[in-house]
Amino acid sequence: MNIPEQYAATNSDYRLIEAETARAVNLRGRLPAWPFVARSGFASIFEFDYVLGDFGRVLEQLARVYCDKSVLLVGLEPRYYESAFGVWPALRFDSCSVRERYWETLYWEPGTGVIGNLGDTLNVLAIAGSSGKWGVWGQRDWEVGLLLTPDRTGPWCDEGVRFFGRDLDLDDIRGPEGWTLPLTEDMLAEFWGNFDRRGMGEKHFCLAERPRQLATARF
């Protein structure tokens, strides 16, 4: 089996990519909790399916603006990849090739006869640049992706992904009622409360201290 070079080759490689990603994204959290390490920034919402599509062009622009040498992706659920397929759900892309390699790597099949590509099976994923200045969170059951950056806009906004702000009704980008996770009033209140307090772009955007204990996947 020829595993793409972007994949973590060992559990140690997985842990390293996980640790670098955790500089910007809280790998333990789940929506409606705030999923980023930074206390504040400019948050944008997008449909979850975008992050599993041609999102490499967005990542390329983010990496260029924030001078990232690499772009990191960690799959947080499900956690059976190592035992079922002999791969670890963590990817490292060179910034100069993430546009062209992102989709094909995400949908690479281990070839076991069972669907094992990350694009079809990941329920929760985190993406960050090696600079730690920006982060992406995607959660399938909410059908929502979030991008947090130090700047309100940039060239990543012109790459075919529709980003939304505070005026969005989440039902407008989610499946019909009954097809997906129902969001209660309490869940929505927590989500939008975090967005209002932390995602509207306070000037003091900064990373919090690196967590002493990083989230770990159990295979």
N, C-alpha and C. Protein backbone atom coordinates (compact mmCIF):
# COMPACT_ATOMS: atom_id res chain seq x y z
N MET A 1 0.85 -1.20 0.00
CA MET A 1 0.00 0.00 0.00
C MET A 1 0.89 1.24 0.00
N ASN A 2 0.73 2.07 -1.00
CA ASN A 2 1.52 3.29 -1.11
C ASN A 2 0.77 4.44 -0.45
N ILE A 3 1.13 4.71 0.78
CA ILE A 3 0.47 5.77 1.54
C ILE A 3 1.01 7.13 1.08
N PRO A 4 0.14 8.10 0.79
CA PRO A 4 0.62 9.43 0.39
C PRO A 4 1.56 10.02 1.43
N GLU A 5 2.56 10.73 0.96
CA GLU A 5 3.59 11.28 1.84
C GLU A 5 3.04 12.28 2.85
N GLN A 6 1.86 12.82 2.59
CA GLN A 6 1.28 13.79 3.51
C GLN A 6 0.79 13.14 4.81
N TYR A 7 0.54 11.83 4.79
CA TYR A 7 0.03 11.15 5.97
C TYR A 7 1.12 10.99 7.03
N ALA A 8 0.68 11.04 8.30
CA ALA A 8 1.57 10.67 9.39
C ALA A 8 1.96 9.20 9.20
N ALA A 9 3.24 8.93 9.23
CA ALA A 9 3.73 7.58 8.96
C ALA A 9 3.72 6.70 10.20
N THR A 10 3.76 7.30 11.37
CA THR A 10 3.81 6.56 12.63
C THR A 10 2.94 7.26 13.66
N ASN A 11 2.72 6.60 14.78
CA ASN A 11 1.97 7.22 15.85
C ASN A 11 2.69 8.46 16.37
N SER A 12 4.03 8.41 16.39
CA SER A 12 4.80 9.58 16.83
C SER A 12 4.58 10.76 15.89
N ASP A 13 4.52 10.50 14.58
CA ASP A 13 4.23 11.56 13.62
C ASP A 13 2.84 12.13 13.85
N TYR A 14 1.90 11.25 14.15
CA TYR A 14 0.54 11.71 14.45
C TYR A 14 0.55 12.66 15.64
N ARG A 15 1.25 12.27 16.70
CA ARG A 15 1.29 13.10 17.89
C ARG A 15 1.93 14.45 17.61
N LEU A 16 2.94 14.47 16.76
CA LEU A 16 3.60 15.73 16.43
C LEU A 16 2.65 16.66 15.68
N ILE A 17 1.97 16.13 14.68
CA ILE A 17 1.01 16.94 13.92
C ILE A 17 -0.12 17.40 14.84
N GLU A 18 -0.57 16.51 15.71
CA GLU A 18 -1.61 16.86 16.67
C GLU A 18 -1.17 18.01 17.57
N ALA A 19 0.07 17.94 18.05
CA ALA A 19 0.57 18.98 18.95
C ALA A 19 0.69 20.32 18.24
N GLU A 20 1.14 20.32 17.01
CA GLU A 20 1.26 21.57 16.25
C GLU A 20 -0.12 22.16 15.97
N THR A 21 -1.07 21.32 15.61
CA THR A 21 -2.42 21.80 15.35
C THR A 21 -3.05 22.38 16.61
N ALA A 22 -2.73 21.78 17.75
CA ALA A 22 -3.31 22.21 19.02
C ALA A 22 -2.80 23.56 19.48
N ARG A 23 -1.82 24.14 18.80
CA ARG A 23 -1.41 25.51 19.10
C ARG A 23 -2.50 26.50 18.73
N ALA A 24 -3.35 26.13 17.78
CA ALA A 24 -4.38 27.05 17.30
C ALA A 24 -5.79 26.56 17.55
N VAL A 25 -5.98 25.25 17.65
CA VAL A 25 -7.33 24.69 17.75
C VAL A 25 -7.41 23.80 18.99
N ASN A 26 -8.51 23.94 19.72
CA ASN A 26 -8.74 23.11 20.91
C ASN A 26 -9.26 21.75 20.46
N LEU A 27 -8.40 20.74 20.46
CA LEU A 27 -8.78 19.44 19.93
C LEU A 27 -9.74 18.69 20.84
N ARG A 28 -9.89 19.13 22.07
CA ARG A 28 -10.80 18.46 22.99
C ARG A 28 -12.23 18.97 22.85
N GLY A 29 -12.42 20.15 22.34
CA GLY A 29 -13.73 20.78 22.34
C GLY A 29 -14.63 20.25 21.24
N ARG A 30 -15.89 20.50 21.40
CA ARG A 30 -16.89 20.23 20.36
C ARG A 30 -17.90 21.37 20.41
N LEU A 31 -18.44 21.69 19.26
CA LEU A 31 -19.50 22.70 19.23
C LEU A 31 -20.64 22.23 20.12
N PRO A 32 -21.24 23.19 20.85
CA PRO A 32 -21.19 24.64 20.66
C PRO A 32 -20.06 25.36 21.38
N ALA A 33 -19.14 24.64 22.03
CA ALA A 33 -18.03 25.31 22.72
C ALA A 33 -17.11 26.00 21.71
N TRP A 34 -16.42 27.03 22.16
CA TRP A 34 -15.46 27.75 21.32
C TRP A 34 -14.31 26.79 20.99
N PRO A 35 -14.04 26.52 19.70
CA PRO A 35 -13.07 25.48 19.36
C PRO A 35 -11.63 25.95 19.17
N PHE A 36 -11.35 27.21 19.43
CA PHE A 36 -10.03 27.76 19.15
C PHE A 36 -9.28 28.09 20.43
N VAL A 37 -7.95 28.08 20.32
CA VAL A 37 -7.10 28.43 21.45
C VAL A 37 -7.07 29.94 21.64
N ALA A 38 -7.04 30.69 20.56
CA ALA A 38 -7.02 32.15 20.65
C ALA A 38 -8.27 32.67 21.36
N ARG A 39 -8.09 33.66 22.20
CA ARG A 39 -9.23 34.22 22.93
C ARG A 39 -10.17 34.98 22.01
N SER A 40 -9.66 35.53 20.93
CA SER A 40 -10.51 36.30 20.04
C SER A 40 -9.88 36.37 18.66
N GLY A 41 -10.68 36.83 17.71
CA GLY A 41 -10.23 36.98 16.33
C GLY A 41 -11.44 37.23 15.46
N PHE A 42 -11.26 37.12 14.16
CA PHE A 42 -12.37 37.26 13.22
C PHE A 42 -12.84 35.87 12.82
N ALA A 43 -14.05 35.51 13.24
CA ALA A 43 -14.60 34.19 12.95
C ALA A 43 -15.53 34.27 11.75
N SER A 44 -15.41 33.28 10.88
CA SER A 44 -16.30 33.14 9.73
C SER A 44 -16.88 31.74 9.74
N ILE A 45 -18.13 31.64 9.32
CA ILE A 45 -18.84 30.37 9.29
C ILE A 45 -19.00 29.94 7.84
N PHE A 46 -18.91 28.64 7.59
CA PHE A 46 -19.15 28.12 6.25
C PHE A 46 -19.76 26.73 6.35
N GLU A 47 -20.28 26.23 5.25
CA GLU A 47 -20.88 24.91 5.24
C GLU A 47 -19.80 23.85 5.40
N PHE A 48 -20.09 22.84 6.21
CA PHE A 48 -19.12 21.79 6.50
C PHE A 48 -18.58 21.13 5.23
N ASP A 49 -19.44 20.91 4.25
CA ASP A 49 -19.02 20.19 3.04
C ASP A 49 -17.88 20.89 2.32
N TYR A 50 -17.76 22.21 2.48
CA TYR A 50 -16.67 22.91 1.79
C TYR A 50 -15.31 22.42 2.24
N VAL A 51 -15.17 22.14 3.55
CA VAL A 51 -13.86 21.76 4.06
C VAL A 51 -13.44 20.38 3.55
N LEU A 52 -14.40 19.61 3.05
CA LEU A 52 -14.11 18.30 2.48
C LEU A 52 -14.10 18.34 0.95
N GLY A 53 -14.11 19.54 0.40
CA GLY A 53 -14.09 19.70 -1.04
C GLY A 53 -12.81 20.37 -1.51
N ASP A 54 -12.97 21.36 -2.36
CA ASP A 54 -11.82 22.03 -2.95
C ASP A 54 -11.33 23.15 -2.02
N PHE A 55 -11.07 22.77 -0.77
CA PHE A 55 -10.69 23.74 0.25
C PHE A 55 -9.19 24.06 0.21
N GLY A 56 -8.46 23.30 -0.57
CA GLY A 56 -7.02 23.52 -0.65
C GLY A 56 -6.65 24.91 -1.14
N ARG A 57 -7.46 25.48 -1.99
CA ARG A 57 -7.16 26.83 -2.50
C ARG A 57 -7.31 27.87 -1.39
N VAL A 58 -8.27 27.67 -0.48
CA VAL A 58 -8.41 28.56 0.68
C VAL A 58 -7.20 28.42 1.59
N LEU A 59 -6.79 27.18 1.84
CA LEU A 59 -5.65 26.93 2.71
C LEU A 59 -4.36 27.50 2.13
N GLU A 60 -4.21 27.42 0.83
CA GLU A 60 -3.03 27.99 0.19
C GLU A 60 -2.94 29.49 0.44
N GLN A 61 -4.06 30.18 0.33
CA GLN A 61 -4.07 31.63 0.53
C GLN A 61 -3.80 31.98 1.99
N LEU A 62 -4.39 31.22 2.91
CA LEU A 62 -4.12 31.46 4.33
C LEU A 62 -2.64 31.26 4.64
N ALA A 63 -2.06 30.20 4.09
CA ALA A 63 -0.65 29.91 4.34
C ALA A 63 0.24 30.99 3.76
N ARG A 64 -0.14 31.52 2.61
CA ARG A 64 0.67 32.57 1.99
C ARG A 64 0.63 33.85 2.81
N VAL A 65 -0.56 34.24 3.25
CA VAL A 65 -0.71 35.49 4.00
C VAL A 65 -0.01 35.41 5.34
N TYR A 66 -0.10 34.25 6.02
CA TYR A 66 0.44 34.14 7.38
C TYR A 66 1.78 33.42 7.44
N CYS A 67 2.39 33.25 6.25
CA CYS A 67 3.78 32.75 6.16
C CYS A 67 3.95 31.38 6.81
N ASP A 68 3.02 30.48 6.53
CA ASP A 68 3.11 29.12 7.04
C ASP A 68 3.99 28.27 6.13
N LYS A 69 4.87 27.51 6.71
CA LYS A 69 5.65 26.56 5.93
C LYS A 69 4.83 25.32 5.59
N SER A 70 3.90 25.00 6.45
CA SER A 70 3.07 23.82 6.21
C SER A 70 1.67 24.05 6.74
N VAL A 71 0.74 23.20 6.28
CA VAL A 71 -0.65 23.21 6.74
C VAL A 71 -0.93 21.83 7.32
N LEU A 72 -1.54 21.80 8.51
CA LEU A 72 -1.73 20.57 9.26
C LEU A 72 -3.21 20.24 9.39
N LEU A 73 -3.55 18.98 9.27
CA LEU A 73 -4.94 18.54 9.43
C LEU A 73 -4.95 17.32 10.34
N VAL A 74 -5.85 17.33 11.32
CA VAL A 74 -6.01 16.20 12.23
C VAL A 74 -7.47 15.78 12.22
N GLY A 75 -7.70 14.50 11.99
CA GLY A 75 -9.03 13.94 12.11
C GLY A 75 -9.26 13.43 13.52
N LEU A 76 -10.34 13.88 14.16
CA LEU A 76 -10.58 13.56 15.57
C LEU A 76 -11.59 12.45 15.76
N GLU A 77 -12.46 12.22 14.81
CA GLU A 77 -13.44 11.14 14.88
C GLU A 77 -13.77 10.71 13.46
N PRO A 78 -14.02 9.41 13.21
CA PRO A 78 -13.82 8.28 14.12
C PRO A 78 -12.34 7.98 14.31
N ARG A 79 -12.03 7.07 15.26
CA ARG A 79 -10.64 6.87 15.67
C ARG A 79 -10.16 5.44 15.40
N TYR A 80 -10.61 4.84 14.34
CA TYR A 80 -10.26 3.45 14.08
C TYR A 80 -9.29 3.29 12.92
N TYR A 81 -8.73 4.37 12.40
CA TYR A 81 -7.96 4.29 11.16
C TYR A 81 -6.72 3.41 11.28
N GLU A 82 -6.02 3.53 12.41
CA GLU A 82 -4.78 2.77 12.54
C GLU A 82 -5.06 1.27 12.56
N SER A 83 -6.03 0.85 13.35
CA SER A 83 -6.32 -0.58 13.45
C SER A 83 -6.99 -1.12 12.20
N ALA A 84 -7.86 -0.32 11.57
CA ALA A 84 -8.61 -0.81 10.42
C ALA A 84 -7.84 -0.70 9.11
N PHE A 85 -7.04 0.36 8.99
CA PHE A 85 -6.42 0.64 7.69
C PHE A 85 -4.91 0.79 7.73
N GLY A 86 -4.33 0.83 8.93
CA GLY A 86 -2.88 0.99 9.03
C GLY A 86 -2.40 2.38 8.73
N VAL A 87 -3.26 3.38 8.90
CA VAL A 87 -2.87 4.78 8.69
C VAL A 87 -3.31 5.60 9.89
N TRP A 88 -2.72 6.75 10.05
CA TRP A 88 -3.09 7.68 11.11
C TRP A 88 -3.78 8.89 10.49
N PRO A 89 -4.90 9.35 11.04
CA PRO A 89 -5.67 10.44 10.43
C PRO A 89 -5.07 11.81 10.71
N ALA A 90 -3.86 12.02 10.23
CA ALA A 90 -3.21 13.33 10.37
C ALA A 90 -2.38 13.59 9.12
N LEU A 91 -2.49 14.80 8.60
CA LEU A 91 -1.84 15.15 7.35
C LEU A 91 -1.00 16.41 7.52
N ARG A 92 0.12 16.44 6.80
CA ARG A 92 0.96 17.64 6.74
C ARG A 92 1.21 17.96 5.27
N PHE A 93 0.76 19.15 4.86
CA PHE A 93 0.95 19.60 3.49
C PHE A 93 2.00 20.70 3.44
N ASP A 94 2.87 20.65 2.47
CA ASP A 94 3.70 21.82 2.19
C ASP A 94 2.79 22.93 1.69
N SER A 95 3.04 24.14 2.13
CA SER A 95 2.16 25.24 1.75
C SER A 95 2.08 25.45 0.25
N CYS A 96 3.18 25.18 -0.43
CA CYS A 96 3.21 25.41 -1.87
C CYS A 96 2.44 24.36 -2.67
N SER A 97 2.08 23.23 -2.03
CA SER A 97 1.38 22.17 -2.75
C SER A 97 0.01 21.85 -2.19
N VAL A 98 -0.43 22.56 -1.14
CA VAL A 98 -1.69 22.20 -0.52
C VAL A 98 -2.87 22.39 -1.47
N ARG A 99 -2.81 23.38 -2.34
CA ARG A 99 -3.91 23.60 -3.28
C ARG A 99 -4.11 22.38 -4.17
N GLU A 100 -3.05 21.85 -4.70
CA GLU A 100 -3.17 20.77 -5.68
C GLU A 100 -3.27 19.38 -5.04
N ARG A 101 -2.80 19.23 -3.79
CA ARG A 101 -2.75 17.90 -3.19
C ARG A 101 -3.85 17.65 -2.15
N TYR A 102 -4.52 18.70 -1.72
CA TYR A 102 -5.47 18.56 -0.60
C TYR A 102 -6.58 17.56 -0.91
N TRP A 103 -7.30 17.76 -2.00
CA TRP A 103 -8.47 16.93 -2.28
C TRP A 103 -8.07 15.49 -2.53
N GLU A 104 -7.05 15.27 -3.35
CA GLU A 104 -6.68 13.90 -3.68
C GLU A 104 -6.15 13.13 -2.47
N THR A 105 -5.49 13.85 -1.55
CA THR A 105 -5.00 13.19 -0.34
C THR A 105 -6.13 12.87 0.62
N LEU A 106 -7.06 13.80 0.75
CA LEU A 106 -8.20 13.60 1.65
C LEU A 106 -9.06 12.42 1.20
N TYR A 107 -9.13 12.16 -0.11
CA TYR A 107 -9.98 11.10 -0.63
C TYR A 107 -9.18 9.88 -1.10
N TRP A 108 -7.95 9.78 -0.68
CA TRP A 108 -7.17 8.58 -0.95
C TRP A 108 -7.74 7.40 -0.17
N GLU A 109 -7.92 6.26 -0.85
CA GLU A 109 -8.46 5.07 -0.23
C GLU A 109 -7.35 4.09 0.15
N PRO A 110 -7.38 3.57 1.37
CA PRO A 110 -6.38 2.59 1.77
C PRO A 110 -6.45 1.29 0.96
N GLY A 111 -7.56 1.04 0.27
CA GLY A 111 -7.64 -0.12 -0.60
C GLY A 111 -7.96 -1.41 0.11
N THR A 112 -8.73 -1.33 1.20
CA THR A 112 -9.08 -2.52 1.96
C THR A 112 -10.45 -3.08 1.58
N GLY A 113 -11.14 -2.43 0.66
CA GLY A 113 -12.49 -2.84 0.31
C GLY A 113 -13.56 -2.17 1.14
N VAL A 114 -13.15 -1.46 2.17
CA VAL A 114 -14.08 -0.70 3.02
C VAL A 114 -13.72 0.78 2.87
N ILE A 115 -14.74 1.64 2.81
CA ILE A 115 -14.47 3.08 2.66
C ILE A 115 -13.65 3.55 3.86
N GLY A 116 -12.47 4.09 3.56
CA GLY A 116 -11.58 4.54 4.63
C GLY A 116 -10.98 5.89 4.38
N ASN A 117 -11.38 6.55 3.28
CA ASN A 117 -10.81 7.87 3.02
C ASN A 117 -11.33 8.87 4.04
N LEU A 118 -10.50 9.84 4.36
CA LEU A 118 -10.85 10.81 5.39
C LEU A 118 -12.01 11.69 4.98
N GLY A 119 -12.09 12.02 3.69
CA GLY A 119 -13.14 12.93 3.24
C GLY A 119 -14.54 12.40 3.49
N ASP A 120 -14.73 11.07 3.36
CA ASP A 120 -16.05 10.49 3.54
C ASP A 120 -16.32 10.04 4.97
N THR A 121 -15.29 9.95 5.80
CA THR A 121 -15.49 9.33 7.11
C THR A 121 -15.23 10.23 8.30
N LEU A 122 -14.52 11.33 8.12
CA LEU A 122 -14.24 12.19 9.27
C LEU A 122 -15.50 12.90 9.74
N ASN A 123 -15.72 12.87 11.02
CA ASN A 123 -16.84 13.59 11.61
C ASN A 123 -16.42 14.92 12.22
N VAL A 124 -15.19 14.99 12.70
CA VAL A 124 -14.65 16.21 13.29
C VAL A 124 -13.21 16.35 12.84
N LEU A 125 -12.83 17.54 12.40
CA LEU A 125 -11.46 17.77 11.98
C LEU A 125 -11.01 19.17 12.34
N ALA A 126 -9.71 19.31 12.52
CA ALA A 126 -9.09 20.59 12.83
C ALA A 126 -7.96 20.82 11.84
N ILE A 127 -7.82 22.06 11.39
CA ILE A 127 -6.76 22.44 10.46
C ILE A 127 -6.09 23.69 11.00
N ALA A 128 -4.78 23.77 10.84
CA ALA A 128 -4.05 24.97 11.27
C ALA A 128 -2.82 25.13 10.40
N GLY A 129 -2.34 26.38 10.33
CA GLY A 129 -1.06 26.63 9.70
C GLY A 129 0.05 26.48 10.71
N SER A 130 1.26 26.20 10.23
CA SER A 130 2.38 25.99 11.14
C SER A 130 2.73 27.25 11.94
N SER A 131 2.28 28.41 11.48
CA SER A 131 2.50 29.64 12.24
C SER A 131 1.66 29.71 13.51
N GLY A 132 0.57 28.95 13.57
CA GLY A 132 -0.35 29.01 14.70
C GLY A 132 -1.23 30.25 14.70
N LYS A 133 -1.27 31.00 13.61
CA LYS A 133 -2.01 32.26 13.58
C LYS A 133 -3.46 32.12 13.18
N TRP A 134 -3.83 31.00 12.61
CA TRP A 134 -5.22 30.82 12.18
C TRP A 134 -5.60 29.36 12.38
N GLY A 135 -6.89 29.09 12.40
CA GLY A 135 -7.36 27.73 12.58
C GLY A 135 -8.70 27.51 11.92
N VAL A 136 -8.97 26.25 11.63
CA VAL A 136 -10.23 25.83 11.01
C VAL A 136 -10.80 24.69 11.84
N TRP A 137 -12.10 24.72 12.06
CA TRP A 137 -12.80 23.65 12.75
C TRP A 137 -13.94 23.17 11.88
N GLY A 138 -14.11 21.86 11.73
CA GLY A 138 -15.23 21.31 10.99
C GLY A 138 -15.91 20.22 11.79
N GLN A 139 -17.24 20.25 11.86
CA GLN A 139 -18.00 19.27 12.66
C GLN A 139 -19.21 18.83 11.87
N ARG A 140 -19.23 17.55 11.50
CA ARG A 140 -20.25 17.05 10.58
C ARG A 140 -21.66 17.11 11.16
N ASP A 141 -21.83 16.79 12.45
CA ASP A 141 -23.19 16.73 12.99
C ASP A 141 -23.83 18.11 13.06
N TRP A 142 -23.01 19.16 13.14
CA TRP A 142 -23.55 20.51 13.07
C TRP A 142 -23.64 21.00 11.63
N GLU A 143 -22.96 20.31 10.71
CA GLU A 143 -22.86 20.73 9.30
C GLU A 143 -22.25 22.12 9.18
N VAL A 144 -21.30 22.41 10.06
CA VAL A 144 -20.74 23.75 10.15
C VAL A 144 -19.21 23.67 10.15
N GLY A 145 -18.60 24.63 9.46
CA GLY A 145 -17.17 24.86 9.57
C GLY A 145 -16.93 26.27 10.09
N LEU A 146 -15.83 26.46 10.81
CA LEU A 146 -15.46 27.78 11.33
C LEU A 146 -14.01 28.07 10.97
N LEU A 147 -13.76 29.29 10.60
CA LEU A 147 -12.41 29.78 10.33
C LEU A 147 -12.15 30.97 11.25
N LEU A 148 -11.02 30.94 11.95
CA LEU A 148 -10.63 32.07 12.79
C LEU A 148 -9.30 32.62 12.29
N THR A 149 -9.28 33.93 12.02
CA THR A 149 -8.08 34.59 11.50
C THR A 149 -7.85 35.90 12.26
N PRO A 150 -6.63 36.44 12.21
CA PRO A 150 -6.37 37.75 12.82
C PRO A 150 -6.95 38.90 12.02
N ASP A 151 -7.28 38.67 10.75
CA ASP A 151 -7.77 39.74 9.87
C ASP A 151 -9.19 39.43 9.42
N ARG A 152 -9.97 40.49 9.27
CA ARG A 152 -11.37 40.31 8.90
C ARG A 152 -11.52 39.64 7.55
N THR A 153 -10.76 40.05 6.58
CA THR A 153 -10.83 39.48 5.23
C THR A 153 -9.44 39.30 4.67
N GLY A 154 -9.36 38.57 3.59
CA GLY A 154 -8.10 38.35 2.90
C GLY A 154 -8.36 37.63 1.60
N PRO A 155 -7.32 37.29 0.86
CA PRO A 155 -7.50 36.64 -0.44
C PRO A 155 -8.18 35.27 -0.35
N TRP A 156 -8.19 34.65 0.83
CA TRP A 156 -8.90 33.38 0.98
C TRP A 156 -10.40 33.54 0.79
N CYS A 157 -10.90 34.76 0.90
CA CYS A 157 -12.33 35.01 0.73
C CYS A 157 -12.76 34.95 -0.73
N ASP A 158 -11.80 34.91 -1.64
CA ASP A 158 -12.10 34.96 -3.08
C ASP A 158 -11.84 33.63 -3.77
N GLU A 159 -11.91 32.52 -3.00
CA GLU A 159 -11.57 31.21 -3.56
C GLU A 159 -12.75 30.26 -3.64
N GLY A 160 -13.95 30.80 -3.75
CA GLY A 160 -15.11 29.97 -4.04
C GLY A 160 -15.86 29.42 -2.85
N VAL A 161 -15.41 29.71 -1.63
CA VAL A 161 -16.13 29.28 -0.43
C VAL A 161 -16.94 30.46 0.09
N ARG A 162 -18.20 30.23 0.38
CA ARG A 162 -19.06 31.30 0.88
C ARG A 162 -18.95 31.36 2.40
N PHE A 163 -18.40 32.44 2.91
CA PHE A 163 -18.25 32.64 4.35
C PHE A 163 -19.36 33.55 4.87
N PHE A 164 -19.83 33.25 6.08
CA PHE A 164 -20.92 34.00 6.69
C PHE A 164 -20.46 34.58 8.02
N GLY A 165 -21.20 35.61 8.45
CA GLY A 165 -20.93 36.26 9.72
C GLY A 165 -22.08 36.12 10.68
N ARG A 166 -22.22 37.10 11.53
CA ARG A 166 -23.19 37.06 12.64
C ARG A 166 -24.64 37.07 12.18
N ASP A 167 -24.90 37.50 10.98
CA ASP A 167 -26.28 37.60 10.53
C ASP A 167 -26.81 36.28 9.96
N LEU A 168 -26.02 35.22 10.02
CA LEU A 168 -26.44 33.94 9.45
C LEU A 168 -27.43 33.24 10.37
N ASP A 169 -28.45 32.63 9.79
CA ASP A 169 -29.29 31.64 10.47
C ASP A 169 -28.71 30.28 10.10
N LEU A 170 -28.23 29.52 11.09
CA LEU A 170 -27.56 28.25 10.80
C LEU A 170 -28.44 27.29 10.00
N ASP A 171 -29.75 27.40 10.16
CA ASP A 171 -30.65 26.53 9.40
C ASP A 171 -30.53 26.75 7.90
N ASP A 172 -30.01 27.91 7.51
CA ASP A 172 -29.87 28.20 6.09
C ASP A 172 -28.75 27.39 5.43
N ILE A 173 -27.81 26.85 6.23
CA ILE A 173 -26.73 26.07 5.63
C ILE A 173 -26.74 24.62 6.13
N ARG A 174 -27.78 24.24 6.85
CA ARG A 174 -27.89 22.88 7.35
C ARG A 174 -29.00 22.12 6.63
N GLY A 175 -28.98 20.80 6.75
CA GLY A 175 -29.99 19.99 6.11
C GLY A 175 -31.36 20.20 6.74
N PRO A 176 -32.40 19.68 6.10
CA PRO A 176 -33.76 19.83 6.64
C PRO A 176 -33.89 19.19 8.02
N GLU A 177 -34.81 19.71 8.80
CA GLU A 177 -35.05 19.17 10.14
C GLU A 177 -35.34 17.68 10.06
N GLY A 178 -34.70 16.92 10.93
CA GLY A 178 -34.87 15.48 10.91
C GLY A 178 -33.76 14.74 10.20
N TRP A 179 -32.98 15.46 9.40
CA TRP A 179 -31.87 14.84 8.67
C TRP A 179 -30.56 14.93 9.44
N THR A 180 -30.52 15.79 10.41
CA THR A 180 -29.25 16.07 11.06
C THR A 180 -29.48 16.31 12.55
N LEU A 181 -28.40 16.62 13.26
CA LEU A 181 -28.50 16.86 14.70
C LEU A 181 -29.39 18.07 14.97
N PRO A 182 -30.45 17.91 15.77
CA PRO A 182 -31.26 19.09 16.13
C PRO A 182 -30.50 19.97 17.10
N LEU A 183 -30.55 21.27 16.87
CA LEU A 183 -29.86 22.23 17.72
C LEU A 183 -30.87 22.89 18.64
N THR A 184 -30.68 22.71 19.93
CA THR A 184 -31.60 23.29 20.90
C THR A 184 -31.31 24.77 21.08
N GLU A 185 -32.23 25.45 21.75
CA GLU A 185 -32.04 26.87 22.03
C GLU A 185 -30.79 27.09 22.89
N ASP A 186 -30.55 26.19 23.83
CA ASP A 186 -29.36 26.33 24.68
C ASP A 186 -28.08 26.16 23.86
N MET A 187 -28.06 25.22 22.95
CA MET A 187 -26.88 25.00 22.11
C MET A 187 -26.62 26.23 21.25
N LEU A 188 -27.67 26.76 20.65
CA LEU A 188 -27.52 27.94 19.80
C LEU A 188 -27.09 29.15 20.61
N ALA A 189 -27.64 29.29 21.81
CA ALA A 189 -27.27 30.42 22.66
C ALA A 189 -25.78 30.36 23.01
N GLU A 190 -25.27 29.18 23.31
CA GLU A 190 -23.84 29.06 23.63
C GLU A 190 -22.98 29.34 22.41
N PHE A 191 -23.37 28.80 21.27
CA PHE A 191 -22.61 29.01 20.03
C PHE A 191 -22.53 30.49 19.70
N TRP A 192 -23.67 31.16 19.65
CA TRP A 192 -23.67 32.57 19.26
C TRP A 192 -23.09 33.46 20.35
N GLY A 193 -23.22 33.05 21.59
CA GLY A 193 -22.58 33.81 22.67
C GLY A 193 -21.07 33.81 22.51
N ASN A 194 -20.50 32.66 22.21
CA ASN A 194 -19.06 32.58 21.96
C ASN A 194 -18.67 33.40 20.74
N PHE A 195 -19.49 33.32 19.71
CA PHE A 195 -19.21 34.07 18.49
C PHE A 195 -19.20 35.57 18.77
N ASP A 196 -20.17 36.04 19.52
CA ASP A 196 -20.28 37.47 19.82
C ASP A 196 -19.12 37.95 20.69
N ARG A 197 -18.74 37.15 21.69
CA ARG A 197 -17.69 37.57 22.61
C ARG A 197 -16.29 37.44 22.03
N ARG A 198 -16.10 36.42 21.19
CA ARG A 198 -14.73 36.08 20.79
C ARG A 198 -14.48 36.17 19.29
N GLY A 199 -15.52 36.13 18.49
CA GLY A 199 -15.33 36.02 17.05
C GLY A 199 -15.55 37.27 16.25
N MET A 200 -15.75 38.41 16.94
CA MET A 200 -16.05 39.64 16.22
C MET A 200 -14.82 40.52 16.01
N GLY A 201 -13.66 40.00 16.39
CA GLY A 201 -12.43 40.68 15.99
C GLY A 201 -11.87 41.70 16.94
N GLU A 202 -11.82 41.40 18.23
CA GLU A 202 -11.14 42.32 19.14
C GLU A 202 -9.68 42.46 18.72
N LYS A 203 -9.11 43.60 19.02
CA LYS A 203 -7.77 43.91 18.54
C LYS A 203 -6.70 43.05 19.21
N HIS A 204 -7.00 42.52 20.39
CA HIS A 204 -5.98 41.79 21.11
C HIS A 204 -5.94 40.31 20.72
N PHE A 205 -6.05 40.02 19.43
CA PHE A 205 -5.95 38.64 18.96
C PHE A 205 -4.59 38.08 19.36
N CYS A 206 -4.61 36.99 20.08
CA CYS A 206 -3.35 36.34 20.44
C CYS A 206 -3.64 34.90 20.81
N LEU A 207 -2.63 34.07 20.74
CA LEU A 207 -2.76 32.69 21.12
C LEU A 207 -2.65 32.57 22.63
N ALA A 208 -3.48 31.73 23.21
CA ALA A 208 -3.32 31.43 24.62
C ALA A 208 -2.10 30.55 24.80
N GLU A 209 -1.74 30.34 26.05
CA GLU A 209 -0.61 29.46 26.29
C GLU A 209 -0.90 28.07 25.75
N ARG A 210 0.13 27.44 25.26
CA ARG A 210 -0.03 26.11 24.73
C ARG A 210 -0.51 25.17 25.83
N PRO A 211 -1.57 24.40 25.56
CA PRO A 211 -2.08 23.51 26.59
C PRO A 211 -1.01 22.54 27.08
N ARG A 212 -0.98 22.30 28.37
CA ARG A 212 0.01 21.40 28.92
C ARG A 212 -0.28 19.95 28.53
N GLN A 213 -1.57 19.64 28.44
CA GLN A 213 -1.94 18.31 28.05
C GLN A 213 -2.76 18.40 26.78
N LEU A 214 -2.25 17.82 25.70
CA LEU A 214 -2.92 17.88 24.42
C LEU A 214 -3.92 16.75 24.30
N ALA A 215 -4.94 17.01 23.46
CA ALA A 215 -5.90 15.94 23.22
C ALA A 215 -5.19 14.77 22.56
N THR A 216 -5.55 13.56 22.94
CA THR A 216 -4.92 12.38 22.37
C THR A 216 -5.99 11.46 21.83
N ALA A 217 -5.71 10.86 20.67
CA ALA A 217 -6.62 9.91 20.09
C ALA A 217 -6.33 8.52 20.63
N ARG A 218 -7.36 7.74 20.85
CA ARG A 218 -7.19 6.38 21.35
C ARG A 218 -7.57 5.42 20.22
N PHE A 219 -6.61 4.66 19.79
CA PHE A 219 -6.88 3.73 18.69
C PHE A 219 -7.06 2.32 19.23
